[in-house]
Amino acid sequence: MRKKLIKSGKTSKALMDLNKQIGERITVLREREDLTLEKLAYVSEISKGGLSEIERGMKEPRISTLLKICKALEVSIKDFFDFEIQE
């Protein structure tokens, strides 16, 4: 079922836009904590390249990855998603 959803142009675009917003949110929170990409990657136990792709919206993060990032940033998952979803 998911493959069918992702193949449609609208859904694919919406997922890409959401991934970009998630990446931007990570960047804002990381910079607020004065952390480098490398330091956040280390603390959250994610590869620097993988974190970079997530921040640029090029990679869809798993929920387990987001939880690691939130823990490293000392922010709840609820607060992490406290932003307007753009359509």
C-alpha atoms as a PDB file:
ATOM      1  CA  MET A   1       0.000   0.000   0.000  1.00  0.00           C
ATOM      2  CA  ARG A   2       2.775   2.444   0.892  1.00  0.00           C
ATOM      3  CA  LYS A   3       4.440   1.937  -2.499  1.00  0.00           C
ATOM      4  CA  LYS A   4       1.198   2.972  -4.207  1.00  0.00           C
ATOM      5  CA  LEU A   5       0.976   6.116  -2.059  1.00  0.00           C
ATOM      6  CA  ILE A   6       4.566   7.123  -2.677  1.00  0.00           C
ATOM      7  CA  LYS A   7       4.282   6.617  -6.425  1.00  0.00           C
ATOM      8  CA  SER A   8       1.542   9.208  -6.777  1.00  0.00           C
ATOM      9  CA  GLY A   9       2.976  12.637  -7.571  1.00  0.00           C
ATOM     10  CA  LYS A  10       1.081  14.550  -4.874  1.00  0.00           C
ATOM     11  CA  THR A  11       1.940  12.176  -2.055  1.00  0.00           C
ATOM     12  CA  SER A  12       5.565  11.980  -3.105  1.00  0.00           C
ATOM     13  CA  LYS A  13       5.792  15.785  -3.195  1.00  0.00           C
ATOM     14  CA  ALA A  14       4.068  16.058   0.185  1.00  0.00           C
ATOM     15  CA  LEU A  15       6.505  13.572   1.732  1.00  0.00           C
ATOM     16  CA  MET A  16       9.453  15.415   0.248  1.00  0.00           C
ATOM     17  CA  ASP A  17       8.142  18.712   1.619  1.00  0.00           C
ATOM     18  CA  LEU A  18       7.612  17.177   5.065  1.00  0.00           C
ATOM     19  CA  ASN A  19      11.122  15.693   5.006  1.00  0.00           C
ATOM     20  CA  LYS A  20      12.480  19.143   4.181  1.00  0.00           C
ATOM     21  CA  GLN A  21      10.544  20.707   7.070  1.00  0.00           C
ATOM     22  CA  ILE A  22      11.789  18.007   9.456  1.00  0.00           C
ATOM     23  CA  GLY A  23      15.345  18.666   8.302  1.00  0.00           C
ATOM     24  CA  GLU A  24      14.953  22.396   8.764  1.00  0.00           C
ATOM     25  CA  ARG A  25      13.551  21.817  12.260  1.00  0.00           C
ATOM     26  CA  ILE A  26      16.563  19.687  13.190  1.00  0.00           C
ATOM     27  CA  THR A  27      18.913  22.381  11.893  1.00  0.00           C
ATOM     28  CA  VAL A  28      17.154  25.121  13.880  1.00  0.00           C
ATOM     29  CA  LEU A  29      17.200  23.081  17.090  1.00  0.00           C
ATOM     30  CA  ARG A  30      20.827  22.013  16.551  1.00  0.00           C
ATOM     31  CA  GLU A  31      21.981  25.581  15.982  1.00  0.00           C
ATOM     32  CA  ARG A  32      19.952  26.770  18.975  1.00  0.00           C
ATOM     33  CA  GLU A  33      21.978  24.353  21.107  1.00  0.00           C
ATOM     34  CA  ASP A  34      25.174  25.548  19.414  1.00  0.00           C
ATOM     35  CA  LEU A  35      25.968  22.047  18.156  1.00  0.00           C
ATOM     36  CA  THR A  36      27.862  21.226  15.002  1.00  0.00           C
ATOM     37  CA  LEU A  37      26.497  18.622  12.635  1.00  0.00           C
ATOM     38  CA  GLU A  38      29.376  16.370  13.640  1.00  0.00           C
ATOM     39  CA  LYS A  39      28.668  16.745  17.372  1.00  0.00           C
ATOM     40  CA  LEU A  40      24.940  16.041  16.996  1.00  0.00           C
ATOM     41  CA  ALA A  41      25.710  13.018  14.831  1.00  0.00           C
ATOM     42  CA  TYR A  42      28.095  11.713  17.483  1.00  0.00           C
ATOM     43  CA  VAL A  43      25.750  12.298  20.426  1.00  0.00           C
ATOM     44  CA  SER A  44      22.738  10.816  18.603  1.00  0.00           C
ATOM     45  CA  GLU A  45      24.782   7.882  17.243  1.00  0.00           C
ATOM     46  CA  ILE A  46      23.892   8.650  13.632  1.00  0.00           C
ATOM     47  CA  SER A  47      26.384   8.948  10.816  1.00  0.00           C
ATOM     48  CA  LYS A  48      27.340  12.504   9.925  1.00  0.00           C
ATOM     49  CA  GLY A  49      26.426  11.856   6.288  1.00  0.00           C
ATOM     50  CA  GLY A  50      23.041  10.422   7.236  1.00  0.00           C
ATOM     51  CA  LEU A  51      22.257  13.358   9.502  1.00  0.00           C
ATOM     52  CA  SER A  52      23.325  15.766   6.771  1.00  0.00           C
ATOM     53  CA  GLU A  53      20.952  14.098   4.298  1.00  0.00           C
ATOM     54  CA  ILE A  54      18.112  14.310   6.831  1.00  0.00           C
ATOM     55  CA  GLU A  55      18.787  18.006   7.510  1.00  0.00           C
ATOM     56  CA  ARG A  56      18.744  18.740   3.773  1.00  0.00           C
ATOM     57  CA  GLY A  57      15.460  16.846   3.351  1.00  0.00           C
ATOM     58  CA  MET A  58      17.050  14.254   1.102  1.00  0.00           C
ATOM     59  CA  LYS A  59      16.450  11.308   3.427  1.00  0.00           C
ATOM     60  CA  GLU A  60      13.269  10.287   5.216  1.00  0.00           C
ATOM     61  CA  PRO A  61      14.210   9.635   8.843  1.00  0.00           C
ATOM     62  CA  ARG A  62      12.829   6.656  10.712  1.00  0.00           C
ATOM     63  CA  ILE A  63      10.977   7.388  13.930  1.00  0.00           C
ATOM     64  CA  SER A  64      13.768   5.647  15.858  1.00  0.00           C
ATOM     65  CA  THR A  65      16.257   8.050  14.274  1.00  0.00           C
ATOM     66  CA  LEU A  66      14.095  11.051  15.161  1.00  0.00           C
ATOM     67  CA  LEU A  67      13.864   9.809  18.737  1.00  0.00           C
ATOM     68  CA  LYS A  68      17.682   9.609  18.942  1.00  0.00           C
ATOM     69  CA  ILE A  69      17.978  13.135  17.556  1.00  0.00           C
ATOM     70  CA  CYS A  70      15.342  14.468  19.969  1.00  0.00           C
ATOM     71  CA  LYS A  71      17.087  12.835  22.908  1.00  0.00           C
ATOM     72  CA  ALA A  72      20.420  14.363  21.865  1.00  0.00           C
ATOM     73  CA  LEU A  73      18.771  17.780  21.484  1.00  0.00           C
ATOM     74  CA  GLU A  74      16.915  17.347  24.780  1.00  0.00           C
ATOM     75  CA  VAL A  75      13.548  18.011  23.176  1.00  0.00           C
ATOM     76  CA  SER A  76      10.442  15.818  23.327  1.00  0.00           C
ATOM     77  CA  ILE A  77       9.115  14.337  20.114  1.00  0.00           C
ATOM     78  CA  LYS A  78       5.926  16.341  20.756  1.00  0.00           C
ATOM     79  CA  ASP A  79       7.870  19.603  20.953  1.00  0.00           C
ATOM     80  CA  PHE A  80       9.938  18.605  17.936  1.00  0.00           C
ATOM     81  CA  PHE A  81       6.804  18.495  15.797  1.00  0.00           C
ATOM     82  CA  ASP A  82       5.503  21.802  17.157  1.00  0.00           C
ATOM     83  CA  PHE A  83       5.616  23.563  13.795  1.00  0.00           C
ATOM     84  CA  GLU A  84       3.176  24.363  11.021  1.00  0.00           C
ATOM     85  CA  ILE A  85       3.092  21.731   8.300  1.00  0.00           C
ATOM     86  CA  GLN A  86       3.234  23.500   4.961  1.00  0.00           C
ATOM     87  CA  GLU A  87       1.153  22.052   2.137  1.00  0.00           C
END
